[in-house]
Each structure stands twice: as structure tokens, then as C-alpha cells.
Protein backbone atom coordinates (compact mmCIF):
# COMPACT_ATOMS: atom_id res chain seq x y z
CA MET A 1 46.85 41.24 -31.39
CA LYS A 2 48.76 43.85 -29.37
CA LYS A 3 45.67 44.54 -27.25
CA PHE A 4 45.20 40.81 -26.58
CA PHE A 5 48.85 40.38 -25.62
CA HIS A 6 48.65 43.35 -23.26
CA GLY A 7 45.66 41.78 -21.52
CA PHE A 8 47.48 38.47 -21.50
CA THR A 9 50.44 39.82 -19.54
CA ALA A 10 51.45 43.19 -18.15
CA ASN A 11 55.06 42.08 -17.63
CA PRO A 12 56.19 39.25 -20.00
CA LYS A 13 59.58 38.80 -18.34
CA ASN A 14 58.16 38.31 -14.85
CA ASP A 15 55.42 35.98 -16.08
CA ILE A 16 57.83 33.83 -18.12
CA LEU A 17 60.38 33.43 -15.32
CA ALA A 18 57.66 32.83 -12.72
CA GLY A 19 56.04 30.17 -14.92
CA MET A 20 59.35 28.34 -15.36
CA THR A 21 59.96 28.37 -11.60
CA VAL A 22 56.49 27.00 -10.85
CA SER A 23 56.88 24.17 -13.38
CA LEU A 24 59.97 22.90 -11.56
CA ALA A 25 58.28 23.11 -8.16
CA MET A 26 55.20 21.33 -9.48
CA ILE A 27 56.91 18.12 -10.65
CA PRO A 28 57.67 16.45 -7.27
CA GLU A 29 54.29 17.44 -5.82
CA VAL A 30 52.35 16.06 -8.80
CA VAL A 31 54.46 12.89 -8.81
CA ALA A 32 53.86 12.45 -5.06
CA PHE A 33 50.10 12.72 -5.56
CA ALA A 34 50.34 10.20 -8.41
CA PHE A 35 51.93 7.69 -6.04
CA VAL A 36 49.17 8.34 -3.48
CA ALA A 37 46.49 7.68 -6.12
CA ARG A 38 48.49 4.70 -7.47
CA ILE A 39 48.58 5.97 -11.02
CA ASP A 40 51.43 6.47 -13.48
CA PRO A 41 53.25 9.77 -12.73
CA LEU A 42 53.09 10.63 -16.43
CA VAL A 43 49.28 10.44 -16.28
CA ALA A 44 49.31 12.99 -13.46
CA LEU A 45 51.87 15.19 -15.24
CA SER A 46 49.79 15.10 -18.45
CA GLY A 47 46.76 16.15 -16.44
CA ALA A 48 48.75 18.97 -14.82
CA PHE A 49 49.83 20.23 -18.27
CA ILE A 50 46.33 20.13 -19.79
CA VAL A 51 44.41 21.52 -16.80
CA GLY A 52 47.10 24.14 -16.20
CA LEU A 53 47.11 25.32 -19.82
CA ILE A 54 43.34 25.51 -20.32
CA THR A 55 42.57 27.21 -17.00
CA ALA A 56 45.40 29.69 -17.57
CA LEU A 57 43.86 30.64 -20.93
CA PHE A 58 40.16 30.54 -20.08
CA GLY A 59 39.89 30.65 -16.26
CA GLY A 60 38.67 33.59 -14.26
CA ARG A 61 41.84 34.45 -12.32
CA PRO A 62 45.07 35.44 -14.13
CA GLY A 63 48.06 34.29 -12.11
CA LEU A 64 46.28 31.28 -10.59
CA ILE A 65 48.14 28.03 -11.23
CA SER A 66 46.18 24.81 -11.71
CA GLY A 67 47.38 21.24 -11.90
CA ALA A 68 46.91 17.70 -10.62
CA ALA A 69 46.29 18.53 -6.96
CA GLY A 70 46.40 16.10 -4.05
CA ALA A 71 43.02 17.21 -2.70
CA VAL A 72 41.44 15.76 -5.85
CA ALA A 73 43.83 12.82 -6.33
CA VAL A 74 43.04 11.16 -2.99
CA ILE A 75 39.33 11.01 -3.90
CA PHE A 76 40.09 8.64 -6.77
CA VAL A 77 42.13 6.06 -4.79
CA ASN A 78 39.22 3.80 -3.78
CA MET A 79 37.44 4.27 -7.10
CA ILE A 80 40.46 3.06 -9.07
CA ALA A 81 40.86 -0.02 -6.84
CA GLU A 82 37.14 -0.87 -7.09
CA GLY A 83 37.26 -0.21 -10.83
CA HIS A 84 40.04 -2.75 -11.30
CA GLU A 85 37.88 -5.37 -9.53
CA LYS A 86 34.80 -4.49 -11.60
CA GLY A 87 36.81 -4.83 -14.81
CA LEU A 88 37.97 -8.34 -13.93
CA ALA A 89 34.33 -9.31 -13.23
CA PHE A 90 33.17 -8.40 -16.78
CA GLU A 91 32.11 -11.19 -19.16
CA THR A 92 35.22 -10.28 -21.10
CA PRO A 93 37.63 -9.30 -18.28
CA VAL A 94 39.44 -5.97 -18.72
CA GLU A 95 42.68 -5.39 -16.81
CA ASN A 96 43.34 -2.00 -15.19
CA MET A 97 39.71 -1.01 -15.74
CA GLY A 98 40.00 1.41 -12.81
CA PHE A 99 42.07 3.77 -14.96
CA PHE A 100 39.33 3.96 -17.60
CA TYR A 101 36.80 4.71 -14.87
CA LEU A 102 39.22 7.41 -13.67
CA PHE A 103 39.31 9.14 -17.06
CA ALA A 104 35.51 8.96 -17.39
CA CYS A 105 35.15 10.31 -13.85
CA VAL A 106 37.44 13.25 -14.64
CA ILE A 107 35.32 14.08 -17.71
CA LEU A 108 32.12 13.97 -15.63
CA MET A 109 33.84 16.04 -12.95
CA GLY A 110 34.57 18.69 -15.58
CA ILE A 111 30.98 18.68 -16.83
CA ILE A 112 29.73 19.27 -13.27
CA GLN A 113 32.15 22.18 -12.86
CA VAL A 114 31.07 23.76 -16.16
CA ALA A 115 27.46 23.46 -15.00
CA ALA A 116 28.40 25.15 -11.71
CA GLY A 117 29.87 28.05 -13.65
CA TYR A 118 26.90 28.25 -16.02
CA PHE A 119 24.48 28.49 -13.08
CA LYS A 120 26.75 31.12 -11.49
CA LEU A 121 27.52 29.15 -8.34
CA GLY A 122 31.02 30.62 -8.27
CA ARG A 123 29.71 33.84 -6.77
CA PHE A 124 28.99 32.09 -3.47
CA VAL A 125 32.71 32.03 -2.67
CA ARG A 126 32.28 35.74 -1.85
CA LEU A 127 30.11 34.69 1.09
CA ILE A 128 32.96 32.84 2.81
CA PRO A 129 33.80 34.74 6.04
CA HIS A 130 37.29 36.18 6.56
CA PRO A 131 38.09 33.94 9.59
CA VAL A 132 37.37 30.91 7.38
CA MET A 133 39.73 32.33 4.76
CA LEU A 134 42.49 32.84 7.34
CA GLY A 135 41.96 29.34 8.73
CA PHE A 136 42.09 27.90 5.22
CA VAL A 137 45.37 29.67 4.45
CA ASN A 138 47.02 28.71 7.75
CA GLY A 139 45.83 25.11 7.62
CA LEU A 140 46.95 24.65 4.03
CA ALA A 141 50.35 26.18 4.80
CA VAL A 142 50.82 23.62 7.58
CA VAL A 143 49.67 20.78 5.29
CA ILE A 144 52.19 21.81 2.61
CA PHE A 145 54.92 22.09 5.27
CA ILE A 146 54.19 18.58 6.56
CA ALA A 147 54.19 17.24 2.98
CA GLN A 148 57.70 18.66 2.48
CA LEU A 149 58.96 17.02 5.68
CA LYS A 150 58.15 13.64 4.13
CA MET A 151 60.81 14.37 1.50
CA PHE A 152 63.57 14.22 4.12
CA PRO A 153 65.35 10.83 4.41
CA VAL A 154 64.75 9.88 8.07
CA HIS A 155 65.45 6.44 9.54
CA ALA A 156 62.80 4.82 11.73
CA GLY A 157 65.29 3.80 14.45
CA THR A 158 66.18 0.40 15.90
CA GLU A 159 65.62 -1.62 19.06
CA THR A 160 68.57 0.13 20.73
CA GLN A 161 68.01 3.59 19.23
CA SER A 162 64.76 5.56 19.10
CA ALA A 163 63.59 7.35 15.97
CA PHE A 164 64.15 10.67 17.79
CA SER A 165 67.79 9.93 18.58
CA ALA A 166 68.27 8.43 15.11
CA PHE A 167 67.06 11.71 13.62
CA PHE A 168 69.60 13.81 15.53
CA SER A 169 72.33 11.27 14.87
CA ASP A 170 71.70 11.60 11.13
CA LEU A 171 71.28 15.37 11.31
CA PHE A 172 74.67 16.03 12.93
CA SER A 173 76.63 13.56 10.81
CA TRP A 174 77.45 13.74 7.11
CA SER A 175 74.35 11.75 6.15
CA ALA A 176 71.67 12.14 3.49
CA LEU A 177 69.52 14.01 6.02
CA SER A 178 72.23 16.53 6.93
CA LYS A 179 73.13 17.10 3.26
CA MET A 180 69.52 17.76 2.36
CA SER A 181 69.00 20.03 5.38
CA ILE A 182 72.02 22.14 4.42
CA LEU A 183 70.90 22.42 0.79
CA VAL A 184 67.37 23.40 1.87
CA ALA A 185 68.77 26.09 4.18
CA VAL A 186 71.07 27.44 1.45
CA THR A 187 68.18 27.51 -1.03
CA MET A 188 66.05 29.51 1.41
CA ALA A 189 68.94 31.88 2.14
CA ILE A 190 69.46 32.55 -1.58
CA ILE A 191 65.75 33.27 -2.09
CA TYR A 192 65.68 35.74 0.81
CA LEU A 193 69.04 37.43 0.12
CA LEU A 194 68.98 37.90 -3.68
CA PRO A 195 66.22 40.57 -3.69
CA LYS A 196 68.13 42.57 -1.01
CA TRP A 197 71.20 43.18 -3.23
CA LYS A 198 70.94 45.77 -5.99
CA VAL A 199 72.98 43.66 -8.43
CA THR A 200 70.70 40.62 -8.11
CA ALA A 201 67.41 42.30 -7.19
CA LYS A 202 65.92 41.77 -10.65
CA LEU A 203 66.78 38.06 -10.83
CA PRO A 204 63.95 35.56 -10.16
CA ALA A 205 65.04 34.44 -6.69
CA ALA A 206 63.39 31.00 -6.60
CA LEU A 207 64.52 29.96 -10.11
CA THR A 208 68.04 31.26 -9.48
CA ALA A 209 68.24 29.31 -6.21
CA ILE A 210 67.15 26.08 -7.94
CA LEU A 211 69.77 26.54 -10.68
CA ILE A 212 72.58 27.34 -8.21
CA ILE A 213 71.84 24.31 -6.02
CA THR A 214 71.47 22.03 -9.07
CA PHE A 215 74.82 23.07 -10.57
CA PHE A 216 76.52 22.77 -7.18
CA VAL A 217 75.24 19.22 -6.69
CA ILE A 218 76.18 18.17 -10.24
CA PHE A 219 79.72 19.58 -10.17
CA SER A 220 80.47 18.56 -6.58
CA GLY A 221 79.21 15.03 -7.15
CA MET A 222 77.15 15.18 -3.95
CA ASP A 223 74.95 12.12 -3.52
CA VAL A 224 71.47 13.52 -2.75
CA ALA A 225 67.91 12.74 -3.79
CA THR A 226 66.88 14.20 -7.14
CA ILE A 227 63.65 14.33 -9.11
CA GLY A 228 64.78 11.29 -11.10
CA SER A 229 65.67 9.19 -8.06
CA TYR A 230 62.45 10.21 -6.32
CA ILE A 231 60.32 9.01 -9.25
CA ARG A 232 62.17 5.70 -9.55
CA GLU A 233 62.10 4.98 -5.81
CA GLY A 234 58.33 5.47 -5.91
CA GLY A 235 57.95 2.87 -8.65
CA GLY A 236 58.01 5.13 -11.71
CA GLU A 237 60.23 4.68 -14.73
CA GLY A 238 61.37 8.28 -15.02
CA LEU A 239 60.12 11.60 -16.30
CA LYS A 240 60.45 10.85 -20.02
CA GLY A 241 57.11 10.87 -21.80
CA LYS A 242 55.41 11.92 -25.01
CA PHE A 243 52.97 14.56 -26.18
CA PRO A 244 49.44 13.81 -24.85
CA THR A 245 47.03 12.39 -27.44
CA PRO A 246 43.33 11.44 -27.22
CA ASN A 247 42.80 8.21 -25.29
CA LEU A 248 40.92 6.02 -27.78
CA GLU A 249 41.13 2.99 -25.46
CA LEU A 250 38.72 4.75 -23.12
CA TRP A 251 35.77 4.42 -25.51
CA ALA A 252 36.75 0.89 -26.53
CA ASN A 253 36.76 -0.44 -22.95
CA LEU A 254 34.34 1.78 -21.01
CA PRO A 255 30.74 0.48 -20.88
CA LEU A 256 28.47 3.48 -21.46
CA ASN A 257 25.52 2.55 -19.25
CA LEU A 258 23.77 3.51 -16.00
CA ASP A 259 25.96 1.16 -13.98
CA THR A 260 29.05 3.12 -15.02
CA LEU A 261 27.33 6.44 -14.32
CA SER A 262 26.12 5.35 -10.87
CA PHE A 263 29.62 4.10 -10.03
CA ILE A 264 31.58 7.21 -11.04
CA PHE A 265 29.05 9.97 -10.25
CA PRO A 266 29.60 10.16 -6.44
CA TYR A 267 33.37 10.40 -6.96
CA ALA A 268 32.97 12.93 -9.78
CA PHE A 269 30.64 15.13 -7.72
CA LEU A 270 32.94 15.06 -4.69
CA ALA A 271 36.03 15.77 -6.81
CA ALA A 272 34.25 18.61 -8.63
CA SER A 273 33.16 20.15 -5.31
CA VAL A 274 36.57 19.87 -3.66
CA GLY A 275 38.32 21.12 -6.81
CA LEU A 276 36.10 24.19 -7.09
CA ILE A 277 36.34 25.02 -3.39
CA GLU A 278 40.14 24.87 -3.46
CA SER A 279 40.29 26.82 -6.75
CA LEU A 280 37.88 29.54 -5.63
CA MET A 281 39.52 29.89 -2.22
CA THR A 282 42.90 30.23 -3.95
CA MET A 283 41.34 32.80 -6.29
CA ASN A 284 40.13 34.78 -3.27
CA LEU A 285 43.63 34.71 -1.79
CA VAL A 286 45.19 36.01 -5.02
CA ASP A 287 42.49 38.69 -5.19
CA GLU A 288 43.53 39.94 -1.75
CA ILE A 289 47.26 39.87 -2.50
CA THR A 290 47.03 41.57 -5.91
CA GLU A 291 44.11 43.86 -4.96
CA THR A 292 42.24 42.82 -8.09
CA ARG A 293 39.13 40.73 -8.58
CA GLY A 294 38.77 37.42 -10.39
CA ASN A 295 35.62 35.96 -11.93
CA GLY A 296 34.44 32.95 -9.92
CA ASN A 297 31.94 31.71 -12.50
CA ARG A 298 34.49 31.88 -15.31
CA GLU A 299 36.99 30.04 -13.11
CA CYS A 300 34.43 27.23 -12.62
CA VAL A 301 33.97 26.93 -16.38
CA GLY A 302 37.72 27.07 -17.06
CA GLN A 303 38.45 24.37 -14.48
CA GLY A 304 35.64 22.26 -15.93
CA PHE A 305 36.85 22.46 -19.52
CA GLY A 306 40.39 21.71 -18.36
CA ASN A 307 39.25 18.52 -16.63
CA ILE A 308 37.07 17.43 -19.56
CA VAL A 309 40.01 17.69 -21.99
CA SER A 310 42.36 16.07 -19.46
CA GLY A 311 40.04 13.06 -19.15
CA LEU A 312 39.71 12.76 -22.93
CA PHE A 313 43.52 12.77 -23.27
CA GLY A 314 44.09 10.23 -20.50
CA GLY A 315 45.08 12.66 -17.75
CA THR A 316 43.94 12.90 -14.16
CA GLY A 317 41.76 15.64 -12.67
CA GLY A 318 43.05 18.87 -11.24
CA CYS A 319 42.22 22.20 -9.66
CA GLY A 320 43.85 25.38 -8.42
CA MET A 321 47.04 24.70 -6.42
CA ILE A 322 47.66 27.21 -3.65
CA GLY A 323 51.32 26.28 -3.17
CA GLN A 324 52.28 26.76 -6.82
CA THR A 325 50.02 29.80 -7.10
CA MET A 326 51.81 31.46 -4.17
CA ILE A 327 55.20 30.67 -5.73
CA ASN A 328 53.94 32.30 -8.93
CA VAL A 329 52.57 35.37 -7.16
CA ASN A 330 55.71 35.77 -5.01
CA ALA A 331 57.79 35.56 -8.20
CA LYS A 332 55.67 38.46 -9.58
CA GLY A 333 53.70 36.28 -11.97
CA ARG A 334 50.42 38.13 -12.51
CA GLY A 335 49.15 37.43 -16.04
CA ARG A 336 47.72 34.42 -17.83
CA LEU A 337 51.09 34.04 -19.52
CA SER A 338 52.64 32.73 -16.30
CA GLY A 339 50.20 29.80 -16.23
CA VAL A 340 50.69 29.12 -19.94
CA ILE A 341 54.49 29.13 -19.56
CA MET A 342 54.19 26.79 -16.56
CA ALA A 343 52.18 24.30 -18.63
CA LEU A 344 54.36 24.52 -21.75
CA THR A 345 57.57 24.29 -19.71
CA LEU A 346 56.21 21.25 -17.90
CA LEU A 347 55.41 19.62 -21.24
CA SER A 348 58.86 20.44 -22.65
CA PHE A 349 60.47 18.89 -19.56
CA ILE A 350 58.53 15.66 -20.12
CA VAL A 351 59.07 15.45 -23.88
CA PHE A 352 62.48 17.02 -24.50
CA ALA A 353 64.45 17.62 -21.30
CA ALA A 354 63.54 14.82 -18.92
CA GLU A 355 67.14 13.72 -18.30
CA TYR A 356 68.18 17.25 -17.27
CA ILE A 357 65.19 17.94 -15.03
CA GLU A 358 65.74 14.60 -13.29
CA MET A 359 69.07 16.04 -12.05
CA VAL A 360 67.36 18.79 -10.01
CA PRO A 361 67.81 18.06 -6.28
CA ILE A 362 64.65 17.59 -4.24
CA ALA A 363 66.26 19.80 -1.58
CA ALA A 364 66.15 22.85 -3.85
CA LEU A 365 62.42 22.39 -4.48
CA VAL A 366 61.72 21.76 -0.78
CA GLY A 367 63.54 25.01 0.03
CA VAL A 368 61.32 26.89 -2.42
CA MET A 369 58.22 25.32 -0.87
CA PHE A 370 59.37 26.20 2.67
CA VAL A 371 59.73 29.84 1.67
CA MET A 372 56.28 29.71 0.12
CA VAL A 373 54.86 28.24 3.36
CA ILE A 374 56.42 31.06 5.41
CA ASP A 375 55.03 33.69 3.03
CA THR A 376 51.59 32.04 2.83
CA PHE A 377 50.91 31.56 6.55
CA ALA A 378 48.89 34.51 7.88
CA TRP A 379 51.19 35.41 10.78
CA SER A 380 49.05 38.45 11.53
CA SER A 381 46.26 36.08 12.59
CA LEU A 382 48.35 35.06 15.63
CA ARG A 383 48.64 38.68 16.76
CA ILE A 384 44.93 39.46 16.43
CA MET A 385 43.58 36.35 18.17
CA LYS A 386 42.95 38.27 21.42
CA LYS A 387 41.55 41.30 19.60
CA ILE A 388 38.83 39.64 17.54
CA PRO A 389 35.55 38.13 18.84
CA LYS A 390 35.96 34.71 20.45
CA SER A 391 33.60 33.21 17.86
CA ASP A 392 35.83 34.40 14.99
CA ALA A 393 38.94 33.09 16.77
CA PHE A 394 37.24 29.72 17.25
CA VAL A 395 36.28 29.55 13.55
CA LEU A 396 39.84 30.43 12.50
CA VAL A 397 41.39 27.73 14.68
CA ALA A 398 38.72 25.15 13.82
CA VAL A 399 39.16 25.58 10.06
CA SER A 400 42.95 25.38 10.40
CA VAL A 401 42.80 22.17 12.45
CA ILE A 402 40.17 20.49 10.24
CA THR A 403 42.19 21.38 7.13
CA ILE A 404 45.22 19.66 8.66
CA VAL A 405 43.58 16.53 10.07
CA ALA A 406 40.72 15.99 7.63
CA ASP A 407 40.04 17.69 4.34
CA LEU A 408 39.93 21.17 2.82
CA ALA A 409 36.31 20.93 1.67
CA ILE A 410 35.13 19.67 5.06
CA ALA A 411 37.06 22.48 6.78
CA VAL A 412 35.52 25.21 4.62
CA PHE A 413 31.99 23.80 4.96
CA ALA A 414 32.43 23.49 8.73
CA GLY A 415 33.78 27.03 8.98
CA VAL A 416 30.91 28.51 6.97
CA ILE A 417 28.31 26.56 8.99
CA ILE A 418 29.84 27.62 12.33
CA SER A 419 30.02 31.25 11.16
CA ALA A 420 26.41 31.14 9.97
CA LEU A 421 25.21 29.68 13.28
CA VAL A 422 27.15 32.29 15.26
CA PHE A 423 25.72 35.06 13.07
CA ALA A 424 22.19 33.69 13.50
CA TRP A 425 22.59 33.42 17.27
CA GLU A 426 24.03 36.93 17.65
CA ASN A 427 21.22 38.43 15.58
CA ALA A 428 18.56 36.33 17.28
CA VAL A 429 19.27 37.91 20.67
CA ARG A 430 19.27 41.43 19.22
CA ILE A 431 15.54 41.63 18.56
CA ARG A 432 13.80 43.89 21.08
CA ALA A 433 10.38 45.46 21.55
CA ARG A 434 9.59 48.83 23.13
CA LYS A 435 6.03 49.12 24.39
CA LYS A 436 3.95 52.29 24.69
CA TYR A 437 0.32 53.42 24.53
CA LYS A 438 -1.44 55.94 22.30
CA GLU A 439 -4.01 58.37 23.65
CA ASP A 440 -6.86 56.18 22.32
CA GLY A 441 -5.59 53.20 24.34
CA THR A 442 -3.90 51.38 21.44
CA LYS A 443 -0.83 49.45 22.59
CA VAL A 444 2.17 49.95 20.29
CA TYR A 445 5.04 47.46 19.97
CA GLU A 446 8.08 49.15 18.39
CA ILE A 447 10.28 46.31 17.10
CA PHE A 448 14.08 46.64 16.90
CA GLY A 449 16.38 44.14 15.20
CA PRO A 450 15.96 41.58 12.39
CA LEU A 451 13.05 39.14 12.32
CA PHE A 452 14.23 35.85 10.80
CA PHE A 453 14.26 32.13 11.57
CA GLY A 454 16.70 32.55 14.44
CA SER A 455 14.82 35.33 16.26
CA ILE A 456 11.23 34.06 15.96
CA GLN A 457 11.10 32.55 19.45
CA ALA A 458 12.43 35.72 21.09
CA PHE A 459 10.02 37.80 18.95
CA ASN A 460 6.97 35.81 20.07
CA GLN A 461 7.95 36.18 23.72
CA LYS A 462 7.66 39.97 23.48
CA PHE A 463 3.84 39.88 23.19
CA ASP A 464 1.24 39.40 25.94
CA ILE A 465 -1.71 38.37 23.76
CA LYS A 466 -4.20 37.61 26.54
CA GLU A 467 -3.55 40.78 28.58
CA ASP A 468 -3.15 43.23 25.67
CA PRO A 469 -5.99 45.72 24.90
CA GLU A 470 -8.34 45.33 21.93
CA ASN A 471 -6.25 47.45 19.57
CA ILE A 472 -2.63 46.55 18.85
CA GLU A 473 -0.09 48.23 16.56
CA ILE A 474 3.22 46.55 15.64
CA ASP A 475 5.74 49.04 14.23
CA PHE A 476 8.65 47.70 12.11
CA LEU A 477 10.35 51.04 11.39
CA ASP A 478 13.56 49.88 13.12
CA SER A 479 13.21 46.21 12.20
CA LYS A 480 13.49 44.10 9.08
CA VAL A 481 11.59 40.97 8.12
CA SER A 482 14.40 38.94 6.56
CA ASP A 483 12.95 35.60 5.43
CA HIS A 484 9.89 33.41 5.00
CA SER A 485 10.10 32.27 8.63
CA GLY A 486 9.63 35.90 9.67
CA ILE A 487 6.56 36.18 7.41
CA GLU A 488 5.08 33.03 8.96
CA ALA A 489 5.73 34.38 12.46
CA LEU A 490 3.76 37.54 11.63
CA VAL A 491 0.87 35.54 10.16
CA ASN A 492 0.68 33.29 13.24
CA LEU A 493 0.88 36.27 15.62
CA VAL A 494 -1.96 38.11 13.87
CA ASN A 495 -4.08 34.93 13.87
CA LYS A 496 -3.57 34.53 17.63
CA TYR A 497 -4.67 38.12 18.31
CA GLU A 498 -7.72 37.74 16.06
CA ALA A 499 -8.62 34.49 17.83
CA GLN A 500 -8.84 36.60 21.02
CA GLY A 501 -11.12 39.09 19.22
CA LYS A 502 -8.47 41.81 19.01
CA LYS A 503 -7.47 44.05 16.10
CA VAL A 504 -3.90 44.33 14.87
CA LYS A 505 -2.26 46.94 12.64
CA LEU A 506 1.17 46.39 11.03
CA THR A 507 3.13 49.52 10.13
CA HIS A 508 6.37 50.35 8.31
CA LEU A 509 6.64 47.08 6.36
CA SER A 510 8.50 46.89 3.05
CA PRO A 511 6.50 46.51 -0.21
CA ASP A 512 7.92 43.01 -0.65
CA CYS A 513 6.86 41.98 2.84
CA LYS A 514 3.36 43.41 2.29
CA THR A 515 2.96 41.46 -0.95
CA LEU A 516 3.94 38.16 0.68
CA LEU A 517 1.59 38.69 3.63
CA ILE A 518 -1.34 39.52 1.34
CA LYS A 519 -0.56 36.45 -0.81
CA ASN A 520 -0.81 34.39 2.35
CA ASN A 521 -4.10 35.98 3.43
CA GLU A 522 -6.15 38.62 1.61
CA GLY A 523 -7.30 39.90 5.00
CA PHE A 524 -3.90 41.51 5.52
CA LYS A 525 -4.94 44.33 3.17
CA ASP A 526 -6.97 45.73 6.10
CA ILE A 527 -4.26 45.00 8.67
CA ILE A 528 -1.27 46.63 6.93
CA GLU A 529 -1.08 50.42 7.08
CA GLU A 530 0.61 52.34 4.27
CA SER A 531 3.03 55.13 5.15
CA ILE A 532 5.24 57.48 3.16
CA ASP A 533 8.26 56.44 5.23
CA ASP A 534 7.83 52.69 4.71
CA PRO A 535 11.23 50.98 4.21
CA ARG A 536 12.30 49.28 0.99
CA TYR A 537 14.07 45.92 1.19
CA TYR A 538 13.62 42.37 -0.12
CA VAL A 539 12.55 39.34 1.87
CA MET A 540 14.77 36.30 1.34
CA THR A 541 11.96 34.31 -0.30
CA ASP A 542 11.98 36.58 -3.36
CA THR A 543 15.36 38.18 -4.01
CA PRO A 544 16.38 40.08 -7.14
CA ALA A 545 18.97 38.63 -9.52
CA VAL A 546 22.56 39.05 -8.38
CA THR A 547 25.47 39.27 -10.78
CA ASP A 548 28.99 38.15 -9.99
């Protein structure tokens, strides 16, 4: 038991306080995403509790916080609306059928994620280039910053006053905007100043700031937006809820047939993909900050099981949340205990302490999020823009912009594709051939650089088949045949020489390359020359097993 607890947390105090801080910061964000998806905030909060608890216990990255994230929530908006219409079209009409489709979709989403972990797809996150990672972090920091700006009460303006002038008019008068701005600034000041004083250095800065601002607002009677007012203004009835129980209505109303599967599968697959990308990218970020390594495949399985249980209990889907994770990490939360405490504290707020949590000012939470944004943004990336290759700088900026204007998953895919194309192009132009003659008149082509799909055209242009002598030797000592396209290029080249009645010898090929060439044509046994200094590497068509 002691050994388990030690592995569970290295510093119980830090993990407990960090988890409590994160739970407070999570409430308005989860509620906001619930309003976007047009679902009951308590459904989203239940999902945040379940996904957060299960992934904290069984996920692959201690310290990573999971919950009902907006990246996943927005995927379900159209599905829920279409589901409501489908339900009313049944022989026996079912109202709010979209919610039952939602729960089924979340379960299927979880199954897909478990399958991804089982087939070890989580390891591919290690292939994401560093510029993509920096772009992801910067873009997401800007997205979170913009989301917090929406919390400020700003008037749209009138016919005689523009929105811009209305903003400054509110800001410099004792209005709701100016009150909130002051409270946000004070919250940020507390978070930055507390660790600098010896007396308060050990206090959890973010949690202390939230408590100070909350007590100040309560005892001063200041009229500002709180968690409770925010939920009610959005159409909710408050934070008060009950302990999540299995949703038996799901099985009573959901038709288990191919029509249901075909309807929810595209949404489930997209949500599973986006959820895993955001979770694994967040895991990578925590790995870099803590200088430890998480398990991507285990994280996939943990996220999947969390979503399966959430769907069964009538909760929405979730994934890793970079904002809350950064708050946790900055508050020195490192173990699984921090995620468990976050989930249990969130549940206790809903079940036992809703009326007290509803008193917390939105300004205090926005201040915490602003500090997190400042700490998350990779400011060093601005300094190195002129020092790194232009292609890397372009990828960094492109991923940041796409993350802001479109979607995280699209941004990451675009960044990886651009990086891969740049890598292929740069390697394609590196292939060279040095030509010389032996004493017996044999022409030797010494190949330099990788031979793969991107360099085939340049490789073929190195040879003068018609003008070459009868005996040709192609030496790959300083080259590497990287994929099946390279193998095919060699086969075609040899065939062209033989069609001209000329003999070709291939030297310094790897055993794997030799095997593939001979499989293609038995005649290559006489073409390939064995040498004691032949290289050893694998061609991409037949790679050894890789472990995470």
C-alpha cells in the first residue's frame, strides 16, 4: 500500500492543493462548453468528473488533467440537433433523442480510443516535429486567452457611440467591466507576488488568490459576475446536482441497429481523433516541462475507458485539457493524486457545496487563466524565429494560426504534413552521384544521399544509360535505400540497362534491401555483390517492431 501511494504521488500536499485549484478553474470552462453544445451543464460536469477521475487513475501521464473539453464538445453540436429531429420522426416519437445519441456516441468514441491504445497508435505522437509542438502551444494559448475575453461584460455600442468608445467608457467608469478588470489584475498580482515572499512562498498561489478575491467580493458586497450568475444567465438552473448513476433511459430509447451506428460513427471517430490528439499533445508538453516521459498508448486506453464510463453514466465526452493541466503543473501538481483530487473536489462541489462555489467571482478564475496563458505561451519561439530555418518558422506560424481560426486537429495534421513535405524535399535534392572509371573500363556511380520516393526523379537523372559502357557498377556505400519506391527505382534502372545489353553490379546494399530485390527478381542474385563492409539498415517496407 505504501509503495502504491508513493507511486501515486511524490508530494501529497502539492497534489491536493493543485487539484482543488484546478477544479475551481474547470467549472466555468466546462459550463461554457456545455452552452456551446446546447447540453445541460450538469451533464458536462458529470462527464468532467468521470473522465477526469478514470484518466487520472489509469492514464499514461500523471499530472495531466482531463475533462469535458471544448475541442470535443463542438463536434457534437450538429449531431445533437439532427438526433432530436430523428427522434421525432420515429414511429413512436422520442423527445430529446439527440442526447441519447450523444451518450451512445461518447461510448463509441471511447471504444475507438481504447482500440487506438491497444494497437499502439499513441507512439506516433513522438513523430510530431518540434515546430508543430510550439505552434500548438502558442495557438492554444491564444485560443484560451480569447475565450477568457468573452467573460468580460462589454456593451455592443449604440447608433451614437461605437463599440470601441463604449468599451473605454465602461473601462474608465465604475462599471461591471472596470470592476472585473480590477479584480482580474489583482488576482494576477497575487499569483505572481505570493511566491516571491518567504512568508507566503509555500502557499498555493492560484488557490489563495481565488479565496482572497472571493472573500473580498462577498464581504464588500461588490456586484460582479459569479459562477452562479454565469450558469443562470446561460440558461442553466445552477450548479446543484447529484451523484452520477448509470443512464438506464439510454438503452430504453436508443435503437440498437445499423442506422444508429452509421449516424453516430463519423462523429465518434472525429471526436476520438481530436480528443487523442489534444491529450497526447498535452502529454508531450508535460513531458517537456517535468523532464519525464508519459506512456502514449496507456493514455489512449485511459481516455477511452473514461469516455465509455462517462457515456454509460449520462456524461459527455472529454479529453486532456491543456489549460487546466498547465494550472496543475504550475501549482506543482505532478502525481495522479492531483487529477483524482480535481475530480473528487468537482463532484463534492456539485453534490454538497454548490451554493458556496456559485459565489466565486468569474474574475478570479479569469485571472488564473490569464496567468496560465502567459506561462504557457512559448515566448522563446518569438526570439528564435530569425535563427531557425524558414521552413520551421513557417510551420510554427501556420500551426498557430490554424489552431486559432480552425481546429486543433486540423492544425496538427497540417503541421505534420507540411513538415513531412519539407523534409522530403530537402532530402530529395541531397542525392548525388560521383562518377569514375576502373582500370577495366567499368563505370562506377558512387551514390550519396537517401534514395526514397522524393529523390527518385533526381536519382534517375544521374545516369546516362545510352552512352554508358557495357559494364556499370552502382555503389551505395554512402547512400541508403529507404522505402519501396527506392527498390522499384533500382529494379527499373537495372531493367533499362539490361534492355541496352549492358551489365550492372550493385554494391554495398543492406541485407534487407538485397532480400527485397531478389524477391522482385531472382536475377538480382547475380547482380548484387556481397561485401564485408555492406551496411545494415531496414527498408521501410519491412520494419522491425517498435515499442513505445
